[in-house]
Amino acid sequence: MRKKCDLPRKLCAGCGRPFAWRRKWAAIWADVKFCSRRCRAARTIPSRYERP
């Protein structure tokens, strides 16, 4: 079994904190950008229609 300190890490795009690889993310690790649902939900989505 691996130790948690040996697992790959990334920085969260929402909060900027580091997070470690999880088994449920094994197939999509390259696409994971956020550490939690909360960070993903709190992200700022650019508006399609911005006022000039």
N, C-alpha and C. Protein backbone atom coordinates (compact mmCIF):
# COMPACT_ATOMS: atom_id res chain seq x y z
N MET A 1 0.84 -1.18 0.00
CA MET A 1 0.00 0.00 0.00
C MET A 1 0.88 1.24 0.00
N ARG A 2 0.47 2.25 -0.75
CA ARG A 2 1.24 3.49 -0.84
C ARG A 2 0.95 4.39 0.34
N LYS A 3 1.93 5.20 0.68
CA LYS A 3 1.72 6.23 1.69
C LYS A 3 1.14 7.46 1.02
N LYS A 4 0.38 8.23 1.76
CA LYS A 4 -0.27 9.41 1.19
C LYS A 4 0.76 10.41 0.67
N CYS A 5 1.91 10.51 1.30
CA CYS A 5 2.93 11.46 0.86
C CYS A 5 3.57 11.04 -0.47
N ASP A 6 3.41 9.78 -0.88
CA ASP A 6 3.97 9.29 -2.14
C ASP A 6 3.03 9.47 -3.34
N LEU A 7 1.78 9.85 -3.09
CA LEU A 7 0.80 9.99 -4.16
C LEU A 7 1.02 11.29 -4.94
N PRO A 8 0.64 11.32 -6.22
CA PRO A 8 0.76 12.55 -7.01
C PRO A 8 -0.11 13.66 -6.42
N ARG A 9 0.33 14.90 -6.59
CA ARG A 9 -0.39 16.04 -6.04
C ARG A 9 -0.65 17.07 -7.13
N LYS A 10 -1.70 17.88 -6.93
CA LYS A 10 -2.02 19.00 -7.81
C LYS A 10 -2.46 20.16 -6.93
N LEU A 11 -2.50 21.36 -7.52
CA LEU A 11 -3.05 22.52 -6.84
C LEU A 11 -4.48 22.73 -7.33
N CYS A 12 -5.37 23.01 -6.41
CA CYS A 12 -6.77 23.24 -6.74
C CYS A 12 -6.91 24.56 -7.49
N ALA A 13 -7.68 24.57 -8.57
CA ALA A 13 -7.90 25.79 -9.35
C ALA A 13 -8.85 26.74 -8.63
N GLY A 14 -9.58 26.27 -7.64
CA GLY A 14 -10.52 27.10 -6.91
C GLY A 14 -9.90 27.77 -5.70
N CYS A 15 -9.30 26.97 -4.82
CA CYS A 15 -8.78 27.52 -3.57
C CYS A 15 -7.26 27.63 -3.54
N GLY A 16 -6.57 26.95 -4.45
CA GLY A 16 -5.11 27.03 -4.50
C GLY A 16 -4.39 26.09 -3.57
N ARG A 17 -5.11 25.27 -2.85
CA ARG A 17 -4.49 24.33 -1.91
C ARG A 17 -4.09 23.05 -2.65
N PRO A 18 -3.04 22.38 -2.16
CA PRO A 18 -2.66 21.11 -2.79
C PRO A 18 -3.62 19.99 -2.38
N PHE A 19 -3.86 19.06 -3.31
CA PHE A 19 -4.65 17.88 -3.00
C PHE A 19 -4.02 16.68 -3.67
N ALA A 20 -4.24 15.52 -3.08
CA ALA A 20 -3.60 14.29 -3.52
C ALA A 20 -4.53 13.44 -4.38
N TRP A 21 -3.92 12.56 -5.14
CA TRP A 21 -4.62 11.61 -6.00
C TRP A 21 -5.55 10.75 -5.16
N ARG A 22 -6.72 10.42 -5.74
CA ARG A 22 -7.68 9.50 -5.10
C ARG A 22 -8.00 8.38 -6.07
N ARG A 23 -8.31 7.24 -5.54
CA ARG A 23 -8.59 6.07 -6.37
C ARG A 23 -9.74 6.34 -7.34
N LYS A 24 -10.78 7.06 -6.90
CA LYS A 24 -11.93 7.31 -7.77
C LYS A 24 -11.58 8.22 -8.93
N TRP A 25 -10.44 8.95 -8.84
CA TRP A 25 -9.99 9.82 -9.92
C TRP A 25 -8.95 9.14 -10.82
N ALA A 26 -8.69 7.88 -10.65
CA ALA A 26 -7.63 7.18 -11.38
C ALA A 26 -7.77 7.31 -12.90
N ALA A 27 -8.98 7.17 -13.41
CA ALA A 27 -9.19 7.19 -14.86
C ALA A 27 -9.21 8.61 -15.43
N ILE A 28 -9.49 9.60 -14.57
CA ILE A 28 -9.65 10.97 -15.07
C ILE A 28 -8.68 11.95 -14.40
N TRP A 29 -7.59 11.47 -13.84
CA TRP A 29 -6.65 12.32 -13.08
C TRP A 29 -6.16 13.52 -13.90
N ALA A 30 -5.97 13.37 -15.19
CA ALA A 30 -5.49 14.48 -16.01
C ALA A 30 -6.54 15.60 -16.12
N ASP A 31 -7.81 15.27 -15.94
CA ASP A 31 -8.89 16.25 -16.07
C ASP A 31 -9.31 16.88 -14.75
N VAL A 32 -8.87 16.33 -13.62
CA VAL A 32 -9.27 16.84 -12.31
C VAL A 32 -8.59 18.18 -12.05
N LYS A 33 -9.40 19.21 -11.72
CA LYS A 33 -8.87 20.56 -11.47
C LYS A 33 -9.20 21.08 -10.09
N PHE A 34 -10.25 20.54 -9.48
CA PHE A 34 -10.72 21.05 -8.21
C PHE A 34 -10.63 19.97 -7.14
N CYS A 35 -10.38 20.38 -5.90
CA CYS A 35 -10.20 19.43 -4.81
C CYS A 35 -11.51 18.91 -4.24
N SER A 36 -12.60 19.64 -4.47
CA SER A 36 -13.88 19.25 -3.88
C SER A 36 -15.05 19.79 -4.69
N ARG A 37 -16.23 19.32 -4.36
CA ARG A 37 -17.45 19.85 -5.00
C ARG A 37 -17.64 21.31 -4.65
N ARG A 38 -17.29 21.66 -3.43
CA ARG A 38 -17.45 23.04 -2.98
C ARG A 38 -16.61 24.00 -3.82
N CYS A 39 -15.37 23.65 -4.10
CA CYS A 39 -14.51 24.50 -4.94
C CYS A 39 -15.02 24.57 -6.37
N ARG A 40 -15.49 23.45 -6.89
CA ARG A 40 -16.03 23.43 -8.25
C ARG A 40 -17.28 24.30 -8.36
N ALA A 41 -18.13 24.27 -7.34
CA ALA A 41 -19.37 25.05 -7.35
C ALA A 41 -19.10 26.54 -7.14
N ALA A 42 -18.05 26.89 -6.43
CA ALA A 42 -17.75 28.28 -6.10
C ALA A 42 -16.94 28.99 -7.18
N ARG A 43 -16.50 28.27 -8.19
CA ARG A 43 -15.69 28.90 -9.23
C ARG A 43 -16.48 30.01 -9.92
N THR A 44 -15.76 30.95 -10.47
CA THR A 44 -16.43 32.03 -11.19
C THR A 44 -16.50 31.65 -12.66
N ILE A 45 -17.69 31.63 -13.19
CA ILE A 45 -17.90 31.25 -14.58
C ILE A 45 -18.00 32.54 -15.39
N PRO A 46 -17.18 32.72 -16.41
CA PRO A 46 -17.25 33.94 -17.20
C PRO A 46 -18.60 34.06 -17.91
N SER A 47 -19.12 35.24 -17.91
CA SER A 47 -20.41 35.49 -18.53
C SER A 47 -20.27 35.49 -20.05
N ARG A 48 -21.26 34.94 -20.73
CA ARG A 48 -21.23 34.93 -22.21
C ARG A 48 -21.54 36.31 -22.76
N TYR A 49 -22.34 37.04 -22.00
CA TYR A 49 -22.78 38.35 -22.48
C TYR A 49 -22.30 39.43 -21.51
N GLU A 50 -21.16 39.97 -21.78
CA GLU A 50 -20.63 41.02 -20.92
C GLU A 50 -21.02 42.39 -21.49
N ARG A 51 -21.31 43.30 -20.60
CA ARG A 51 -21.65 44.65 -21.03
C ARG A 51 -20.40 45.40 -21.47
N PRO A 52 -20.50 46.17 -22.56
CA PRO A 52 -19.31 46.92 -23.03
C PRO A 52 -18.99 48.10 -22.16
